[in-house]
């Protein structure tokens, strides 16, 4: 099942500590990977781009990360804008105080870096060769 990445903003917020979030990341799986390529029968015009949505269940609720990606050269994809990652996770410190936006974004980017999302994107789109880290 593929879910559009933008739907993530309608998910209920999940409040969790950073250690709990980091431990739970091993459960994260791809739910959506939309590429703006056009129909597969048509020739590709320029680099591919798209959106990724990865999610898991934490505390009985769906928790997701979504971001835009672009092909930077043949079969090499990268996160488009590290400051534009969507998520319904609300990270808190050990006392329950919310982390600031910049610190939260840093941890979301670190989580994306730990996912095997680039290999998934390259593998999922026909005609792509072996992935390389970008």
Protein backbone atom coordinates (compact mmCIF):
# COMPACT_ATOMS: atom_id res chain seq x y z
CA UNK A 1 0.00 0.00 0.00
CA UNK A 2 1.31 3.44 -0.92
CA UNK A 3 0.30 6.47 1.12
CA UNK A 4 1.00 9.99 -0.19
CA UNK A 5 3.70 11.67 1.92
CA UNK A 6 1.63 14.81 2.49
CA UNK A 7 -0.99 12.80 4.43
CA UNK A 8 1.49 12.53 7.29
CA UNK A 9 0.51 15.99 8.51
CA UNK A 10 -2.95 14.68 9.42
CA UNK A 11 -1.59 11.92 11.69
CA UNK A 12 -1.94 12.28 15.45
CA UNK A 13 1.26 13.64 17.09
CA UNK A 14 3.41 11.09 18.93
CA UNK A 15 5.21 12.39 22.02
CA UNK A 16 8.41 10.47 22.83
CA UNK A 17 11.92 10.84 24.19
CA UNK A 18 14.90 10.79 21.87
CA UNK A 19 16.26 7.46 23.22
CA UNK A 20 12.86 5.79 22.71
CA UNK A 21 12.63 7.24 19.19
CA UNK A 22 16.15 6.04 18.29
CA UNK A 23 15.44 2.51 19.60
CA UNK A 24 12.21 2.31 17.62
CA UNK A 25 13.80 3.32 14.29
CA UNK A 26 14.65 -0.30 13.45
CA UNK A 27 10.90 -0.84 12.95
CA UNK A 28 10.61 1.93 10.34
CA UNK A 29 9.49 0.75 6.88
CA UNK A 30 8.68 2.49 3.59
CA UNK A 31 4.99 3.29 3.08
CA UNK A 32 5.23 5.58 0.11
CA UNK A 33 7.75 6.42 -2.56
CA UNK A 34 6.25 8.62 -5.21
CA UNK A 35 8.43 9.59 -8.14
CA UNK A 36 7.52 12.36 -10.54
CA UNK A 37 8.80 10.42 -13.57
CA UNK A 38 5.71 10.14 -15.69
CA UNK A 39 4.54 6.82 -17.13
CA UNK A 40 7.25 4.10 -17.33
CA UNK A 41 6.60 3.72 -21.08
CA UNK A 42 7.74 7.29 -21.75
CA UNK A 43 11.42 8.24 -21.94
CA UNK A 44 12.80 9.95 -18.88
CA UNK A 45 13.51 13.65 -19.23
CA UNK A 46 16.15 14.71 -16.72
CA UNK A 47 16.81 13.57 -13.16
CA UNK A 48 14.10 11.82 -11.19
CA UNK A 49 12.57 13.37 -8.10
CA UNK A 50 9.93 12.34 -5.63
CA UNK A 51 8.80 11.99 -2.04
CA UNK A 52 9.48 9.29 0.50
CA UNK A 53 7.33 8.26 3.46
CA UNK A 54 8.63 5.85 6.07
CA UNK A 55 6.63 4.87 9.14
CA UNK A 56 6.38 2.63 12.19
CA UNK A 57 4.10 2.16 15.14
CA UNK A 58 5.17 3.69 18.45
CA UNK A 59 3.02 3.70 21.59
CA UNK A 60 0.23 2.20 19.48
CA UNK A 61 0.22 5.15 17.06
CA UNK A 62 1.62 5.54 13.54
CA UNK A 63 4.78 7.62 13.48
CA UNK A 64 6.18 8.78 10.16
CA UNK A 65 8.91 10.71 8.41
CA UNK A 66 8.44 12.22 4.95
CA UNK A 67 10.82 14.13 2.70
CA UNK A 68 11.51 15.12 -0.88
CA UNK A 69 14.34 13.46 -2.76
CA UNK A 70 16.07 14.04 -6.09
CA UNK A 71 18.42 12.11 -8.31
CA UNK A 72 21.72 14.02 -8.28
CA UNK A 73 23.28 11.83 -10.97
CA UNK A 74 22.31 8.51 -12.52
CA UNK A 75 21.09 6.18 -9.77
CA UNK A 76 22.24 8.43 -6.91
CA UNK A 77 19.48 10.03 -4.85
CA UNK A 78 19.69 12.60 -2.06
CA UNK A 79 17.45 14.36 0.39
CA UNK A 80 16.38 17.65 -1.25
CA UNK A 81 16.03 19.95 1.73
CA UNK A 82 17.20 18.79 5.17
CA UNK A 83 15.15 21.55 6.81
CA UNK A 84 11.93 20.36 5.16
CA UNK A 85 11.32 16.97 6.77
CA UNK A 86 7.76 16.26 7.84
CA UNK A 87 7.02 14.13 10.90
CA UNK A 88 4.34 13.71 13.49
CA UNK A 89 6.92 12.90 16.20
CA UNK A 90 7.25 15.41 19.02
CA UNK A 91 10.58 14.79 20.72
CA UNK A 92 10.92 15.66 24.40
CA UNK A 93 13.84 15.63 26.81
CA UNK A 94 14.00 13.46 29.94
CA UNK A 95 11.95 16.03 31.88
CA UNK A 96 9.22 16.08 29.22
CA UNK A 97 10.10 19.49 27.76
CA UNK A 98 9.83 19.64 23.96
CA UNK A 99 13.05 19.89 21.97
CA UNK A 100 13.46 23.06 19.93
CA UNK A 101 12.73 23.04 16.21
CA UNK A 102 16.39 23.08 15.16
CA UNK A 103 17.34 20.23 17.50
CA UNK A 104 14.28 18.22 16.44
CA UNK A 105 15.19 18.68 12.76
CA UNK A 106 18.76 17.55 13.48
CA UNK A 107 17.45 14.30 14.99
CA UNK A 108 14.97 13.73 12.15
CA UNK A 109 17.80 14.12 9.62
CA UNK A 110 19.95 11.71 11.62
CA UNK A 111 17.10 9.19 11.56
CA UNK A 112 16.72 9.51 7.78
CA UNK A 113 20.48 9.04 7.39
CA UNK A 114 20.20 5.74 9.30
CA UNK A 115 17.42 4.40 7.05
CA UNK A 116 18.22 2.42 3.89
CA UNK A 117 15.91 4.71 1.93
CA UNK A 118 18.24 5.43 -0.99
CA UNK A 119 18.62 1.76 -1.86
CA UNK A 120 14.86 1.39 -1.59
CA UNK A 121 14.17 4.30 -3.97
CA UNK A 122 16.72 3.13 -6.53
CA UNK A 123 15.53 -0.50 -6.37
CA UNK A 124 11.86 0.42 -6.58
CA UNK A 125 12.17 2.34 -9.83
CA UNK A 126 12.79 0.08 -12.80
CA UNK A 127 15.93 0.58 -14.81
CA UNK A 128 17.94 1.94 -11.93
CA UNK A 129 21.34 0.43 -11.24
CA UNK A 130 22.95 -0.26 -7.86
CA UNK A 131 22.50 2.56 -5.31
CA UNK A 132 25.31 4.74 -4.09
CA UNK A 133 25.20 6.85 -0.95
CA UNK A 134 24.78 10.54 -1.61
